[in-house]
PDB file of N, CA and C in Angstrom:
ATOM      1  N   MET A   1    -110.358 100.491  74.647  1.00  0.00           N
ATOM      2  CA  MET A   1    -109.423 100.245  73.565  1.00  0.00           C
ATOM      3  C   MET A   1    -110.114  99.412  72.496  1.00  0.00           C
ATOM      4  N   ALA A   2    -109.869  99.752  71.247  1.00  0.00           N
ATOM      5  CA  ALA A   2    -110.497  99.054  70.133  1.00  0.00           C
ATOM      6  C   ALA A   2    -109.850  97.687  69.939  1.00  0.00           C
ATOM      7  N   ARG A   3    -110.649  96.749  69.463  1.00  0.00           N
ATOM      8  CA  ARG A   3    -110.117  95.415  69.217  1.00  0.00           C
ATOM      9  C   ARG A   3    -109.375  95.395  67.877  1.00  0.00           C
ATOM     10  N   VAL A   4    -108.631  94.342  67.644  1.00  0.00           N
ATOM     11  CA  VAL A   4    -107.896  94.155  66.400  1.00  0.00           C
ATOM     12  C   VAL A   4    -108.887  93.859  65.284  1.00  0.00           C
ATOM     13  N   ARG A   5    -108.703  94.474  64.133  1.00  0.00           N
ATOM     14  CA  ARG A   5    -109.589  94.244  63.000  1.00  0.00           C
ATOM     15  C   ARG A   5    -109.285  92.904  62.346  1.00  0.00           C
ATOM     16  N   HIS A   6    -110.322  92.283  61.792  1.00  0.00           N
ATOM     17  CA  HIS A   6    -110.142  91.048  61.025  1.00  0.00           C
ATOM     18  C   HIS A   6    -109.680  91.442  59.625  1.00  0.00           C
ATOM     19  N   SER A   7    -108.838  90.633  59.015  1.00  0.00           N
ATOM     20  CA  SER A   7    -108.261  90.969  57.712  1.00  0.00           C
ATOM     21  C   SER A   7    -109.253  90.833  56.557  1.00  0.00           C
ATOM     22  N   LYS A   8    -110.312  90.072  56.729  1.00  0.00           N
ATOM     23  CA  LYS A   8    -111.322  89.889  55.677  1.00  0.00           C
ATOM     24  C   LYS A   8    -112.469  90.857  55.928  1.00  0.00           C
ATOM     25  N   LYS A   9    -112.773  91.708  54.927  1.00  0.00           N
ATOM     26  CA  LYS A   9    -113.754  92.772  55.138  1.00  0.00           C
ATOM     27  C   LYS A   9    -115.155  92.246  55.425  1.00  0.00           C
ATOM     28  N   ASP A  10    -115.565  91.136  54.802  1.00  0.00           N
ATOM     29  CA  ASP A  10    -116.904  90.588  55.037  1.00  0.00           C
ATOM     30  C   ASP A  10    -117.047  90.102  56.475  1.00  0.00           C
ATOM     31  N   ILE A  11    -116.014  89.459  56.977  1.00  0.00           N
ATOM     32  CA  ILE A  11    -116.044  88.963  58.347  1.00  0.00           C
ATOM     33  C   ILE A  11    -116.007  90.128  59.326  1.00  0.00           C
ATOM     34  N   GLU A  12    -115.226  91.150  59.033  1.00  0.00           N
ATOM     35  CA  GLU A  12    -115.169  92.333  59.896  1.00  0.00           C
ATOM     36  C   GLU A  12    -116.542  93.000  59.984  1.00  0.00           C
ATOM     37  N   GLN A  13    -117.258  93.079  58.872  1.00  0.00           N
ATOM     38  CA  GLN A  13    -118.591  93.664  58.878  1.00  0.00           C
ATOM     39  C   GLN A  13    -119.546  92.830  59.735  1.00  0.00           C
ATOM     40  N   ALA A  14    -119.451  91.507  59.624  1.00  0.00           N
ATOM     41  CA  ALA A  14    -120.297  90.626  60.430  1.00  0.00           C
ATOM     42  C   ALA A  14    -119.965  90.778  61.916  1.00  0.00           C
ATOM     43  N   LEU A  15    -118.696  90.941  62.240  1.00  0.00           N
ATOM     44  CA  LEU A  15    -118.291  91.135  63.636  1.00  0.00           C
ATOM     45  C   LEU A  15    -118.824  92.454  64.181  1.00  0.00           C
ATOM     46  N   ARG A  16    -118.780  93.498  63.392  1.00  0.00           N
ATOM     47  CA  ARG A  16    -119.296  94.793  63.840  1.00  0.00           C
ATOM     48  C   ARG A  16    -120.808  94.740  64.048  1.00  0.00           C
ATOM     49  N   ALA A  17    -121.499  94.000  63.172  1.00  0.00           N
ATOM     50  CA  ALA A  17    -122.951  93.835  63.336  1.00  0.00           C
ATOM     51  C   ALA A  17    -123.254  93.062  64.616  1.00  0.00           C
ATOM     52  N   ALA A  18    -122.457  92.043  64.913  1.00  0.00           N
ATOM     53  CA  ALA A  18    -122.643  91.270  66.137  1.00  0.00           C
ATOM     54  C   ALA A  18    -122.397  92.149  67.364  1.00  0.00           C
ATOM     55  N   GLU A  19    -121.368  92.973  67.311  1.00  0.00           N
ATOM     56  CA  GLU A  19    -121.080  93.881  68.424  1.00  0.00           C
ATOM     57  C   GLU A  19    -122.216  94.885  68.614  1.00  0.00           C
ATOM     58  N   ALA A  20    -122.833  95.312  67.528  1.00  0.00           N
ATOM     59  CA  ALA A  20    -123.962  96.236  67.622  1.00  0.00           C
ATOM     60  C   ALA A  20    -125.164  95.580  68.305  1.00  0.00           C
ATOM     61  N   GLN A  21    -125.252  94.250  68.208  1.00  0.00           N
ATOM     62  CA  GLN A  21    -126.329  93.495  68.846  1.00  0.00           C
ATOM     63  C   GLN A  21    -125.999  93.148  70.305  1.00  0.00           C
ATOM     64  N   GLY A  22    -124.824  93.566  70.776  1.00  0.00           N
ATOM     65  CA  GLY A  22    -124.439  93.328  72.159  1.00  0.00           C
ATOM     66  C   GLY A  22    -123.489  92.169  72.363  1.00  0.00           C
ATOM     67  N   TRP A  23    -123.017  91.561  71.292  1.00  0.00           N
ATOM     68  CA  TRP A  23    -122.072  90.449  71.405  1.00  0.00           C
ATOM     69  C   TRP A  23    -120.684  90.994  71.715  1.00  0.00           C
ATOM     70  N   THR A  24    -119.870  90.163  72.361  1.00  0.00           N
ATOM     71  CA  THR A  24    -118.489  90.513  72.691  1.00  0.00           C
ATOM     72  C   THR A  24    -117.562  89.719  71.778  1.00  0.00           C
ATOM     73  N   VAL A  25    -116.652  90.408  71.108  1.00  0.00           N
ATOM     74  CA  VAL A  25    -115.685  89.763  70.213  1.00  0.00           C
ATOM     75  C   VAL A  25    -114.325  89.808  70.881  1.00  0.00           C
ATOM     76  N   THR A  26    -113.708  88.616  71.020  1.00  0.00           N
ATOM     77  CA  THR A  26    -112.418  88.501  71.681  1.00  0.00           C
ATOM     78  C   THR A  26    -111.422  87.820  70.754  1.00  0.00           C
ATOM     79  N   PRO A  27    -110.391  88.532  70.275  1.00  0.00           N
ATOM     80  CA  PRO A  27    -109.355  87.879  69.474  1.00  0.00           C
ATOM     81  C   PRO A  27    -108.549  86.898  70.322  1.00  0.00           C
ATOM     82  N   THR A  28    -108.188  85.764  69.740  1.00  0.00           N
ATOM     83  CA  THR A  28    -107.375  84.767  70.423  1.00  0.00           C
ATOM     84  C   THR A  28    -106.230  84.349  69.512  1.00  0.00           C
ATOM     85  N   LYS A  29    -105.327  83.596  70.045  1.00  0.00           N
ATOM     86  CA  LYS A  29    -104.202  83.059  69.268  1.00  0.00           C
ATOM     87  C   LYS A  29    -104.213  81.543  69.404  1.00  0.00           C
ATOM     88  N   ALA A  30    -105.219  80.906  68.831  1.00  0.00           N
ATOM     89  CA  ALA A  30    -105.360  79.459  68.968  1.00  0.00           C
ATOM     90  C   ALA A  30    -105.442  78.815  67.588  1.00  0.00           C
ATOM     91  N   GLY A  31    -104.322  78.559  66.967  1.00  0.00           N
ATOM     92  CA  GLY A  31    -104.302  77.891  65.670  1.00  0.00           C
ATOM     93  C   GLY A  31    -104.946  78.730  64.584  1.00  0.00           C
ATOM     94  N   HIS A  32    -105.907  78.142  63.877  1.00  0.00           N
ATOM     95  CA  HIS A  32    -106.569  78.836  62.779  1.00  0.00           C
ATOM     96  C   HIS A  32    -107.715  79.705  63.263  1.00  0.00           C
ATOM     97  N   ARG A  33    -108.013  79.646  64.537  1.00  0.00           N
ATOM     98  CA  ARG A  33    -109.100  80.455  65.080  1.00  0.00           C
ATOM     99  C   ARG A  33    -108.600  81.857  65.377  1.00  0.00           C
ATOM    100  N   TRP A  34    -109.210  82.846  64.751  1.00  0.00           N
ATOM    101  CA  TRP A  34    -108.827  84.239  64.946  1.00  0.00           C
ATOM    102  C   TRP A  34    -109.340  84.756  66.279  1.00  0.00           C
ATOM    103  N   GLY A  35    -110.540  84.280  66.643  1.00  0.00           N
ATOM    104  CA  GLY A  35    -111.127  84.735  67.885  1.00  0.00           C
ATOM    105  C   GLY A  35    -112.460  84.074  68.137  1.00  0.00           C
ATOM    106  N   LYS A  36    -113.217  84.658  69.067  1.00  0.00           N
ATOM    107  CA  LYS A  36    -114.545  84.126  69.366  1.00  0.00           C
ATOM    108  C   LYS A  36    -115.488  85.287  69.623  1.00  0.00           C
ATOM    109  N   ALA A  37    -116.761  85.023  69.374  1.00  0.00           N
ATOM    110  CA  ALA A  37    -117.811  85.998  69.633  1.00  0.00           C
ATOM    111  C   ALA A  37    -118.800  85.343  70.586  1.00  0.00           C
ATOM    112  N   GLU A  38    -119.189  86.070  71.628  1.00  0.00           N
ATOM    113  CA  GLU A  38    -120.090  85.541  72.643  1.00  0.00           C
ATOM    114  C   GLU A  38    -121.237  86.516  72.869  1.00  0.00           C
ATOM    115  N   CYS A  39    -122.439  85.941  73.063  1.00  0.00           N
ATOM    116  CA  CYS A  39    -123.597  86.793  73.334  1.00  0.00           C
ATOM    117  C   CYS A  39    -123.664  87.171  74.801  1.00  0.00           C
ATOM    118  N   GLY A  40    -122.969  86.452  75.652  1.00  0.00           N
ATOM    119  CA  GLY A  40    -122.980  86.736  77.074  1.00  0.00           C
ATOM    120  C   GLY A  40    -123.892  85.820  77.862  1.00  0.00           C
ATOM    121  N   SER A  41    -124.719  85.045  77.154  1.00  0.00           N
ATOM    122  CA  SER A  41    -125.656  84.145  77.825  1.00  0.00           C
ATOM    123  C   SER A  41    -125.472  82.697  77.398  1.00  0.00           C
ATOM    124  N   GLY A  42    -124.365  82.390  76.750  1.00  0.00           N
ATOM    125  CA  GLY A  42    -124.091  81.002  76.402  1.00  0.00           C
ATOM    126  C   GLY A  42    -123.789  80.723  74.947  1.00  0.00           C
ATOM    127  N   CYS A  43    -124.186  81.584  74.040  1.00  0.00           N
ATOM    128  CA  CYS A  43    -123.907  81.355  72.618  1.00  0.00           C
ATOM    129  C   CYS A  43    -122.471  81.803  72.310  1.00  0.00           C
ATOM    130  N   VAL A  44    -121.721  80.926  71.659  1.00  0.00           N
ATOM    131  CA  VAL A  44    -120.329  81.224  71.315  1.00  0.00           C
ATOM    132  C   VAL A  44    -120.101  80.855  69.858  1.00  0.00           C
ATOM    133  N   LEU A  45    -119.446  81.739  69.113  1.00  0.00           N
ATOM    134  CA  LEU A  45    -119.077  81.498  67.719  1.00  0.00           C
ATOM    135  C   LEU A  45    -117.563  81.533  67.592  1.00  0.00           C
ATOM    136  N   SER A  46    -117.013  80.600  66.846  1.00  0.00           N
ATOM    137  CA  SER A  46    -115.594  80.660  66.520  1.00  0.00           C
ATOM    138  C   SER A  46    -115.437  81.492  65.251  1.00  0.00           C
ATOM    139  N   VAL A  47    -114.463  82.379  65.259  1.00  0.00           N
ATOM    140  CA  VAL A  47    -114.169  83.223  64.102  1.00  0.00           C
ATOM    141  C   VAL A  47    -112.846  82.748  63.530  1.00  0.00           C
ATOM    142  N   TRP A  48    -112.881  82.250  62.305  1.00  0.00           N
ATOM    143  CA  TRP A  48    -111.678  81.698  61.678  1.00  0.00           C
ATOM    144  C   TRP A  48    -110.870  82.792  61.005  1.00  0.00           C
ATOM    145  N   SER A  49    -109.563  82.640  61.017  1.00  0.00           N
ATOM    146  CA  SER A  49    -108.690  83.658  60.447  1.00  0.00           C
ATOM    147  C   SER A  49    -108.646  83.601  58.930  1.00  0.00           C
ATOM    148  N   THR A  50    -108.611  82.406  58.375  1.00  0.00           N
ATOM    149  CA  THR A  50    -108.536  82.268  56.922  1.00  0.00           C
ATOM    150  C   THR A  50    -109.523  81.219  56.451  1.00  0.00           C
ATOM    151  N   PRO A  51    -110.828  81.541  56.460  1.00  0.00           N
ATOM    152  CA  PRO A  51    -111.800  80.557  55.987  1.00  0.00           C
ATOM    153  C   PRO A  51    -111.681  80.379  54.475  1.00  0.00           C
ATOM    154  N   LYS A  52    -112.129  79.231  53.994  1.00  0.00           N
ATOM    155  CA  LYS A  52    -112.047  78.943  52.567  1.00  0.00           C
ATOM    156  C   LYS A  52    -112.859  79.959  51.769  1.00  0.00           C
ATOM    157  N   ASN A  53    -114.034  80.318  52.301  1.00  0.00           N
ATOM    158  CA  ASN A  53    -114.881  81.302  51.647  1.00  0.00           C
ATOM    159  C   ASN A  53    -115.315  82.333  52.700  1.00  0.00           C
ATOM    160  N   PRO A  54    -114.676  83.493  52.742  1.00  0.00           N
ATOM    161  CA  PRO A  54    -114.977  84.487  53.769  1.00  0.00           C
ATOM    162  C   PRO A  54    -116.430  84.974  53.740  1.00  0.00           C
ATOM    163  N   GLN A  55    -117.021  85.076  52.543  1.00  0.00           N
ATOM    164  CA  GLN A  55    -118.397  85.535  52.451  1.00  0.00           C
ATOM    165  C   GLN A  55    -119.351  84.550  53.126  1.00  0.00           C
ATOM    166  N   ASN A  56    -119.160  83.255  52.913  1.00  0.00           N
ATOM    167  CA  ASN A  56    -120.014  82.253  53.545  1.00  0.00           C
ATOM    168  C   ASN A  56    -119.827  82.243  55.059  1.00  0.00           C
ATOM    169  N   HIS A  57    -118.597  82.384  55.502  1.00  0.00           N
ATOM    170  CA  HIS A  57    -118.329  82.411  56.946  1.00  0.00           C
ATOM    171  C   HIS A  57    -119.027  83.615  57.588  1.00  0.00           C
ATOM    172  N   ALA A  58    -118.986  84.762  56.919  1.00  0.00           N
ATOM    173  CA  ALA A  58    -119.652  85.957  57.433  1.00  0.00           C
ATOM    174  C   ALA A  58    -121.163  85.750  57.481  1.00  0.00           C
ATOM    175  N   LYS A  59    -121.729  85.119  56.457  1.00  0.00           N
ATOM    176  CA  LYS A  59    -123.172  84.842  56.434  1.00  0.00           C
ATOM    177  C   LYS A  59    -123.558  83.892  57.560  1.00  0.00           C
ATOM    178  N   GLN A  60    -122.744  82.868  57.792  1.00  0.00           N
ATOM    179  CA  GLN A  60    -123.016  81.922  58.874  1.00  0.00           C
ATOM    180  C   GLN A  60    -123.004  82.628  60.227  1.00  0.00           C
ATOM    181  N   MET A  61    -122.053  83.524  60.398  1.00  0.00           N
ATOM    182  CA  MET A  61    -121.966  84.263  61.653  1.00  0.00           C
ATOM    183  C   MET A  61    -123.188  85.159  61.832  1.00  0.00           C
ATOM    184  N   SER A  62    -123.604  85.838  60.778  1.00  0.00           N
ATOM    185  CA  SER A  62    -124.768  86.717  60.854  1.00  0.00           C
ATOM    186  C   SER A  62    -126.032  85.928  61.185  1.00  0.00           C
ATOM    187  N   ARG A  63    -126.184  84.742  60.580  1.00  0.00           N
ATOM    188  CA  ARG A  63    -127.338  83.890  60.866  1.00  0.00           C
ATOM    189  C   ARG A  63    -127.345  83.441  62.327  1.00  0.00           C
ATOM    190  N   ALA A  64    -126.178  83.078  62.832  1.00  0.00           N
ATOM    191  CA  ALA A  64    -126.085  82.627  64.214  1.00  0.00           C
ATOM    192  C   ALA A  64    -126.424  83.754  65.187  1.00  0.00           C
ATOM    193  N   VAL A  65    -126.015  84.961  64.887  1.00  0.00           N
ATOM    194  CA  VAL A  65    -126.339  86.101  65.740  1.00  0.00           C
ATOM    195  C   VAL A  65    -127.852  86.356  65.700  1.00  0.00           C
ATOM    196  N   ALA A  66    -128.449  86.270  64.515  1.00  0.00           N
ATOM    197  CA  ALA A  66    -129.887  86.500  64.387  1.00  0.00           C
ATOM    198  C   ALA A  66    -130.701  85.425  65.102  1.00  0.00           C
ATOM    199  N   ARG A  67    -130.208  84.196  65.143  1.00  0.00           N
ATOM    200  CA  ARG A  67    -130.925  83.077  65.764  1.00  0.00           C
ATOM    201  C   ARG A  67    -130.692  82.953  67.267  1.00  0.00           C
ATOM    202  N   CYS A  68    -129.845  83.768  67.819  1.00  0.00           N
ATOM    203  CA  CYS A  68    -129.543  83.687  69.258  1.00  0.00           C
ATOM    204  C   CYS A  68    -130.813  83.936  70.059  1.00  0.00           C
ATOM    205  N   PRO A  69    -131.183  82.983  70.932  1.00  0.00           N
ATOM    206  CA  PRO A  69    -132.420  83.144  71.702  1.00  0.00           C
ATOM    207  C   PRO A  69    -132.285  84.085  72.900  1.00  0.00           C
ATOM    208  N   HIS A  70    -131.102  84.566  73.182  1.00  0.00           N
ATOM    209  CA  HIS A  70    -130.897  85.386  74.399  1.00  0.00           C
ATOM    210  C   HIS A  70    -131.081  86.849  74.117  1.00  0.00           C
TER     211      HIS A  70
END
Protein backbone atom coordinates (compact mmCIF):
# COMPACT_ATOMS: atom_id res chain seq x y z
CA MET A 1 0.00 0.00 0.00
CA ALA A 2 1.28 3.45 -0.89
CA ARG A 3 2.07 5.92 1.85
CA VAL A 4 0.27 9.24 2.31
CA ARG A 5 1.72 12.03 0.17
CA HIS A 6 3.21 15.13 1.78
CA SER A 7 1.34 18.33 0.92
CA LYS A 8 4.50 20.26 -0.04
CA LYS A 9 5.84 19.19 -3.44
CA ASP A 10 9.53 19.87 -2.63
CA ILE A 11 9.37 17.74 0.50
CA GLU A 12 7.50 14.98 -1.35
CA GLN A 13 10.26 14.90 -3.97
CA ALA A 14 12.92 14.66 -1.25
CA LEU A 15 10.98 11.81 0.40
CA ARG A 16 10.74 9.90 -2.88
CA ALA A 17 14.49 10.35 -3.43
CA ALA A 18 15.14 9.02 0.09
CA GLU A 19 12.90 6.02 -0.58
CA ALA A 20 14.82 5.36 -3.80
CA GLN A 21 18.00 5.20 -1.67
CA GLY A 22 16.39 2.54 0.55
CA TRP A 23 15.06 4.76 3.34
CA THR A 24 11.70 4.01 4.97
CA VAL A 25 9.21 6.87 5.33
CA THR A 26 6.58 6.50 8.05
CA PRO A 27 3.81 9.10 8.51
CA THR A 28 2.99 9.85 12.15
CA LYS A 29 0.50 12.01 14.03
CA ALA A 30 2.76 13.72 16.55
CA GLY A 31 2.15 17.47 16.68
CA HIS A 32 3.87 19.36 13.89
CA ARG A 33 5.82 16.31 12.80
CA TRP A 34 4.33 14.79 9.66
CA GLY A 35 6.45 11.69 9.87
CA LYS A 36 9.93 10.24 10.01
CA ALA A 37 12.42 8.79 7.57
CA GLU A 38 14.83 6.05 8.62
CA CYS A 39 17.76 4.47 6.81
CA GLY A 40 17.34 1.24 8.75
CA SER A 41 20.74 1.40 10.44
CA GLY A 42 20.23 4.24 12.90
CA CYS A 43 19.80 7.47 10.94
CA VAL A 44 16.41 9.11 11.55
CA LEU A 45 15.01 12.33 10.07
CA SER A 46 11.95 14.18 11.30
CA VAL A 47 9.68 15.37 8.49
CA TRP A 48 7.73 18.49 9.43
CA SER A 49 4.22 19.07 8.14
CA THR A 50 4.40 22.84 7.75
CA PRO A 51 8.01 24.04 7.76
CA LYS A 52 8.64 27.77 7.48
CA ASN A 53 10.51 27.22 4.22
CA PRO A 54 9.65 23.91 2.49
CA GLN A 55 12.49 24.22 -0.03
CA ASN A 56 15.12 24.51 2.72
CA HIS A 57 13.60 21.61 4.64
CA ALA A 58 13.72 19.46 1.49
CA LYS A 59 17.37 20.43 0.90
CA GLN A 60 18.26 19.56 4.49
CA MET A 61 16.61 16.18 4.12
CA SER A 62 18.43 15.48 0.85
CA ARG A 63 21.78 16.41 2.43
CA ALA A 64 21.13 14.14 5.39
CA VAL A 65 20.30 11.22 3.10
CA ALA A 66 23.47 11.83 1.07
CA ARG A 67 25.62 11.99 4.24
CA CYS A 68 24.24 8.77 5.74
CA PRO A 69 27.23 6.50 6.42
CA HIS A 70 25.16 3.29 6.24
